[in-house]
Amino acid sequence: KKVGVSKSIETKITGESLFNDGVGVVVYIALIGFAVGGGDRGAMDVGLLFIEEVGGGLLLGGLLGYVAYRMLKSIDNYQVEILITLALVTGGYQLASYFHFSGPLAMVVAGLMIGNHGRELAMSETTRHHLDLFWELIDEMLNAVLFLLIGLEIFVLSWNSSALVAGIILIGVVLGSRMVAVSLPVIVLKRSREFSPGIIRILTWGGLRGGISVALALALPKEGIEDGVRQAILMATYIVVIFSIAVQGLTLKPVILRAMGKTAS
């Protein structure tokens, strides 16, 4: 927003970030099940679990988003409409968990439906204003709680040189894997649609790591995973996140401007 990129780039960065988080959580769940289950789970089991989580989450999110959209369109009362979106998030996530679908992906799809078609076709200007204020406040509160927990966790971590070196190496691994993951779909889709100049560079450097990465690391189960391994993963995750926020985040503006052929003011 500060750089003033085109709506196309802004949409790609935001949409990719949402699905990245959702798919990341699904992969995390699958790998945790494989690691903790040990020999009881094979590659086929993990693959089926991944398909179930992703496919079920996408379908359920679309269904819930459509139902919420029809409800929003039938009334014009911003208090009730805010409660509908709140029920969609809390109830929808629990419903996805009950069916062993991906809650994050379901909410991403439902949120995209409400945030696009719902905002334009089912909400008044008054509702949009109050809805934005409500969810911005919720977002700030939850982020504050999360980063408070992140800060408290630092005091109980046992820092060591091996984990520090692993974290530094993983910074390069994360950036390299992200560049590959971003480049492949862009190269394939370039045949049918246009992309802004430097979009691969922007999406690669703009893949910031933050709350979700640390939250998943903190959620590692103590059963089946040695405490030393858990601590090492936590420390490496912290290092990657710190680099992401302090280096990538602070240099993202000049990277975008250079990719767009502009100069920083």
Protein backbone atom coordinates (compact mmCIF):
# COMPACT_ATOMS: atom_id res chain seq x y z
CA LYS A 1 0.00 0.00 0.00
CA LYS A 2 2.83 2.41 0.80
CA VAL A 3 4.58 1.74 -2.50
CA GLY A 4 1.37 2.14 -4.48
CA VAL A 5 1.57 -1.09 -6.46
CA SER A 6 -1.12 -2.01 -8.95
CA LYS A 7 -4.29 -3.72 -7.76
CA SER A 8 -3.16 -6.84 -9.63
CA ILE A 9 0.08 -7.16 -7.63
CA GLU A 10 -1.68 -6.34 -4.36
CA THR A 11 -4.29 -9.04 -5.00
CA LYS A 12 -1.65 -11.64 -5.92
CA ILE A 13 0.41 -10.93 -2.78
CA THR A 14 -2.62 -11.02 -0.46
CA GLY A 15 -4.29 -14.05 -2.07
CA GLU A 16 -1.05 -16.04 -2.28
CA SER A 17 -0.33 -15.26 1.38
CA LEU A 18 -3.74 -16.55 2.49
CA PHE A 19 -3.50 -19.81 0.57
CA ASN A 20 0.16 -20.19 1.55
CA ASP A 21 -0.82 -20.08 5.23
CA GLY A 22 -3.72 -22.47 4.72
CA VAL A 23 -1.74 -25.06 2.76
CA GLY A 24 1.18 -24.65 5.17
CA VAL A 25 -1.04 -25.65 8.09
CA VAL A 26 -2.28 -28.71 6.16
CA VAL A 27 1.28 -29.81 5.32
CA TYR A 28 2.25 -29.27 8.97
CA ILE A 29 -0.62 -31.48 10.18
CA ALA A 30 0.28 -34.21 7.68
CA LEU A 31 3.98 -34.21 8.60
CA ILE A 32 3.25 -34.15 12.33
CA GLY A 33 1.00 -37.17 11.88
CA PHE A 34 3.76 -38.93 9.95
CA ALA A 35 6.46 -38.04 12.50
CA VAL A 36 4.46 -38.93 15.60
CA GLY A 37 2.81 -41.98 14.02
CA GLY A 38 6.18 -43.33 12.92
CA GLY A 39 5.94 -46.63 11.10
CA ASP A 40 2.16 -46.71 11.35
CA ARG A 41 1.83 -44.08 8.61
CA GLY A 42 3.16 -44.42 5.10
CA ALA A 43 3.53 -41.92 2.25
CA MET A 44 0.15 -43.00 0.88
CA ASP A 45 -1.54 -42.25 4.20
CA VAL A 46 0.01 -38.78 4.31
CA GLY A 47 -1.05 -38.14 0.70
CA LEU A 48 -4.63 -39.18 1.39
CA LEU A 49 -4.70 -37.05 4.52
CA PHE A 50 -3.45 -34.07 2.52
CA ILE A 51 -6.12 -34.57 -0.16
CA GLU A 52 -8.83 -34.93 2.47
CA GLU A 53 -7.73 -31.82 4.37
CA VAL A 54 -7.30 -29.62 1.28
CA GLY A 55 -10.24 -30.85 -0.81
CA GLY A 56 -12.64 -31.00 2.11
CA GLY A 57 -11.54 -27.59 3.37
CA LEU A 58 -12.02 -25.94 -0.02
CA LEU A 59 -15.47 -27.48 -0.57
CA LEU A 60 -16.71 -26.76 2.94
CA GLY A 61 -15.39 -23.19 2.80
CA GLY A 62 -17.16 -22.58 -0.47
CA LEU A 63 -20.43 -23.97 0.88
CA LEU A 64 -20.28 -21.99 4.13
CA GLY A 65 -19.26 -18.84 2.28
CA TYR A 66 -22.23 -19.14 -0.07
CA VAL A 67 -24.69 -19.72 2.81
CA ALA A 68 -23.30 -16.71 4.69
CA TYR A 69 -23.46 -14.63 1.50
CA ARG A 70 -27.17 -15.46 1.02
CA MET A 71 -27.87 -14.59 4.66
CA LEU A 72 -26.04 -11.26 4.39
CA LYS A 73 -27.90 -10.41 1.19
CA SER A 74 -31.30 -11.04 2.81
CA ILE A 75 -30.90 -8.43 5.58
CA ASP A 76 -29.65 -4.89 6.09
CA ASN A 77 -28.57 -4.62 9.71
CA TYR A 78 -24.86 -4.24 10.37
CA GLN A 79 -25.01 -5.67 13.91
CA VAL A 80 -26.58 -8.90 12.70
CA GLU A 81 -24.29 -9.06 9.67
CA ILE A 82 -21.19 -8.77 11.87
CA LEU A 83 -22.51 -11.61 14.03
CA ILE A 84 -23.04 -13.72 10.91
CA THR A 85 -19.39 -13.29 9.89
CA LEU A 86 -18.28 -14.08 13.45
CA ALA A 87 -20.42 -17.23 13.48
CA LEU A 88 -19.00 -18.17 10.08
CA VAL A 89 -15.45 -18.07 11.41
CA THR A 90 -15.97 -19.73 14.80
CA GLY A 91 -18.64 -22.26 13.83
CA GLY A 92 -17.17 -22.96 10.40
CA TYR A 93 -13.73 -23.70 11.82
CA GLN A 94 -15.17 -26.08 14.40
CA LEU A 95 -17.26 -27.80 11.71
CA ALA A 96 -14.18 -28.27 9.55
CA SER A 97 -12.29 -29.75 12.51
CA TYR A 98 -15.18 -32.14 13.19
CA PHE A 99 -15.02 -33.52 9.64
CA HIS A 100 -11.16 -33.54 9.71
CA PHE A 101 -10.96 -30.88 7.00
CA SER A 102 -8.56 -27.96 6.93
CA GLY A 103 -10.12 -25.17 9.01
CA PRO A 104 -7.67 -22.49 7.77
CA LEU A 105 -8.31 -23.31 4.10
CA ALA A 106 -12.06 -23.45 4.64
CA MET A 107 -11.98 -20.01 6.24
CA VAL A 108 -9.74 -18.62 3.48
CA VAL A 109 -12.25 -19.66 0.81
CA ALA A 110 -15.25 -18.45 2.83
CA GLY A 111 -13.45 -15.20 3.62
CA LEU A 112 -12.62 -14.59 -0.03
CA MET A 113 -16.27 -15.10 -0.97
CA ILE A 114 -17.52 -12.70 1.72
CA GLY A 115 -14.71 -10.23 1.12
CA ASN A 116 -15.37 -10.04 -2.61
CA HIS A 117 -18.95 -10.90 -3.64
CA GLY A 118 -20.32 -10.36 -0.13
CA ARG A 119 -18.90 -6.87 0.25
CA GLU A 120 -19.94 -5.72 -3.20
CA LEU A 121 -23.36 -7.36 -3.55
CA ALA A 122 -24.66 -8.07 -0.05
CA MET A 123 -23.51 -5.21 2.20
CA SER A 124 -24.34 -1.55 2.52
CA GLU A 125 -21.65 1.08 2.98
CA THR A 126 -22.53 1.28 6.69
CA THR A 127 -22.11 -2.48 7.12
CA ARG A 128 -18.78 -2.48 5.28
CA HIS A 129 -17.48 0.32 7.51
CA HIS A 130 -18.46 -1.36 10.78
CA LEU A 131 -17.39 -4.81 9.60
CA ASP A 132 -13.91 -3.56 8.73
CA LEU A 133 -13.53 -1.83 12.10
CA PHE A 134 -14.67 -4.96 13.98
CA TRP A 135 -12.32 -7.39 12.24
CA GLU A 136 -9.39 -4.97 12.33
CA LEU A 137 -9.81 -4.80 16.11
CA ILE A 138 -10.03 -8.60 16.40
CA ASP A 139 -6.93 -8.94 14.23
CA GLU A 140 -4.93 -6.51 16.39
CA MET A 141 -6.01 -8.21 19.63
CA LEU A 142 -5.15 -11.73 18.45
CA ASN A 143 -1.80 -10.59 17.05
CA ALA A 144 -1.00 -8.88 20.35
CA VAL A 145 -1.74 -12.09 22.28
CA LEU A 146 0.25 -14.21 19.83
CA PHE A 147 3.36 -12.03 19.92
CA LEU A 148 3.12 -11.79 23.71
CA LEU A 149 3.31 -15.59 23.81
CA ILE A 150 6.19 -15.45 21.33
CA GLY A 151 8.06 -13.05 23.62
CA LEU A 152 7.46 -15.20 26.70
CA GLU A 153 8.65 -18.32 24.89
CA ILE A 154 12.06 -16.73 24.27
CA PHE A 155 12.78 -16.81 28.01
CA VAL A 156 12.42 -20.59 28.21
CA LEU A 157 14.37 -21.51 25.07
CA SER A 158 17.85 -23.00 25.46
CA TRP A 159 19.87 -21.25 22.77
CA ASN A 160 22.83 -23.12 21.29
CA SER A 161 25.23 -22.66 18.38
CA SER A 162 23.97 -25.68 16.41
CA ALA A 163 20.41 -24.35 16.28
CA LEU A 164 21.73 -20.90 15.36
CA VAL A 165 23.69 -22.32 12.41
CA ALA A 166 20.67 -24.41 11.36
CA GLY A 167 18.46 -21.31 11.43
CA ILE A 168 20.89 -19.34 9.27
CA ILE A 169 21.11 -22.19 6.73
CA LEU A 170 17.31 -22.52 6.69
CA ILE A 171 16.94 -18.84 5.76
CA GLY A 172 18.54 -19.70 2.41
CA VAL A 173 16.54 -22.92 2.11
CA VAL A 174 13.25 -21.11 2.76
CA LEU A 175 13.99 -18.36 0.21
CA GLY A 176 15.21 -20.85 -2.39
CA SER A 177 12.21 -23.15 -2.02
CA ARG A 178 9.86 -20.19 -2.13
CA MET A 179 11.44 -18.92 -5.35
CA VAL A 180 10.90 -22.33 -6.96
CA ALA A 181 7.32 -22.58 -5.65
CA VAL A 182 6.47 -19.12 -6.97
CA SER A 183 8.31 -19.42 -10.28
CA LEU A 184 6.68 -22.64 -11.49
CA PRO A 185 3.04 -21.45 -11.55
CA VAL A 186 4.03 -18.03 -12.91
CA ILE A 187 5.99 -19.60 -15.78
CA VAL A 188 3.11 -21.97 -16.60
CA LEU A 189 0.40 -19.28 -16.36
CA LYS A 190 2.38 -16.74 -18.42
CA ARG A 191 1.10 -18.51 -21.52
CA SER A 192 -2.49 -17.51 -20.77
CA ARG A 193 -2.21 -14.25 -18.80
CA GLU A 194 0.09 -11.31 -18.20
CA PHE A 195 2.10 -10.72 -15.04
CA SER A 196 3.62 -7.52 -13.75
CA PRO A 197 7.39 -7.10 -14.25
CA GLY A 198 9.46 -8.68 -11.50
CA ILE A 199 6.49 -10.53 -9.97
CA ILE A 200 8.62 -13.60 -9.12
CA ARG A 201 11.16 -11.45 -7.28
CA ILE A 202 8.41 -9.54 -5.47
CA LEU A 203 6.52 -12.65 -4.38
CA THR A 204 9.72 -14.41 -3.32
CA TRP A 205 11.04 -11.56 -1.18
CA GLY A 206 7.53 -10.64 -0.01
CA GLY A 207 6.89 -14.07 1.51
CA LEU A 208 7.27 -12.84 5.07
CA ARG A 209 7.24 -15.32 7.97
CA GLY A 210 5.54 -14.34 11.20
CA GLY A 211 2.83 -15.37 13.58
CA ILE A 212 1.67 -18.57 11.86
CA SER A 213 5.20 -19.99 11.60
CA VAL A 214 5.91 -19.42 15.29
CA ALA A 215 2.42 -20.58 16.33
CA LEU A 216 2.91 -23.89 14.49
CA ALA A 217 6.35 -24.35 16.04
CA LEU A 218 4.91 -23.67 19.49
CA ALA A 219 2.14 -26.20 18.84
CA LEU A 220 4.55 -29.09 18.27
CA PRO A 221 3.31 -32.00 20.40
CA LYS A 222 5.52 -33.06 23.27
CA GLU A 223 4.51 -36.68 22.82
CA GLY A 224 6.59 -38.39 20.14
CA ILE A 225 9.02 -35.49 19.64
CA GLU A 226 12.11 -35.18 21.83
CA ASP A 227 12.42 -31.96 23.79
CA GLY A 228 15.80 -31.20 22.24
CA VAL A 229 14.41 -31.54 18.72
CA ARG A 230 11.41 -29.39 19.63
CA GLN A 231 13.69 -26.69 21.06
CA ALA A 232 15.92 -26.75 17.95
CA ILE A 233 12.91 -26.36 15.64
CA LEU A 234 11.61 -23.46 17.74
CA MET A 235 14.97 -21.67 17.68
CA ALA A 236 15.46 -22.17 13.94
CA THR A 237 11.92 -20.89 13.34
CA TYR A 238 12.59 -17.79 15.44
CA ILE A 239 15.74 -17.03 13.45
CA VAL A 240 13.91 -17.38 10.10
CA VAL A 241 11.04 -15.18 11.34
CA ILE A 242 13.38 -12.50 12.72
CA PHE A 243 15.25 -12.36 9.40
CA SER A 244 11.98 -12.26 7.51
CA ILE A 245 10.56 -9.34 9.50
CA ALA A 246 13.76 -7.34 10.10
CA VAL A 247 15.47 -7.83 6.72
CA GLN A 248 12.84 -8.80 4.14
CA GLY A 249 10.14 -6.61 5.66
CA LEU A 250 12.31 -3.48 5.89
CA THR A 251 13.75 -3.91 2.38
CA LEU A 252 10.54 -4.96 0.61
CA LYS A 253 9.74 -1.42 -0.56
CA PRO A 254 13.02 -0.87 -2.50
CA VAL A 255 12.80 -4.41 -3.92
CA ILE A 256 9.29 -3.73 -5.28
CA LEU A 257 10.28 -0.31 -6.62
CA ARG A 258 13.34 -1.73 -8.37
CA ALA A 259 11.28 -4.54 -9.87
CA MET A 260 8.75 -2.00 -11.13
CA GLY A 261 11.50 0.17 -12.59
CA LYS A 262 11.05 2.98 -10.07
CA THR A 263 13.34 4.58 -7.52
CA ALA A 264 12.71 4.94 -3.80
CA SER A 265 11.79 8.44 -2.66
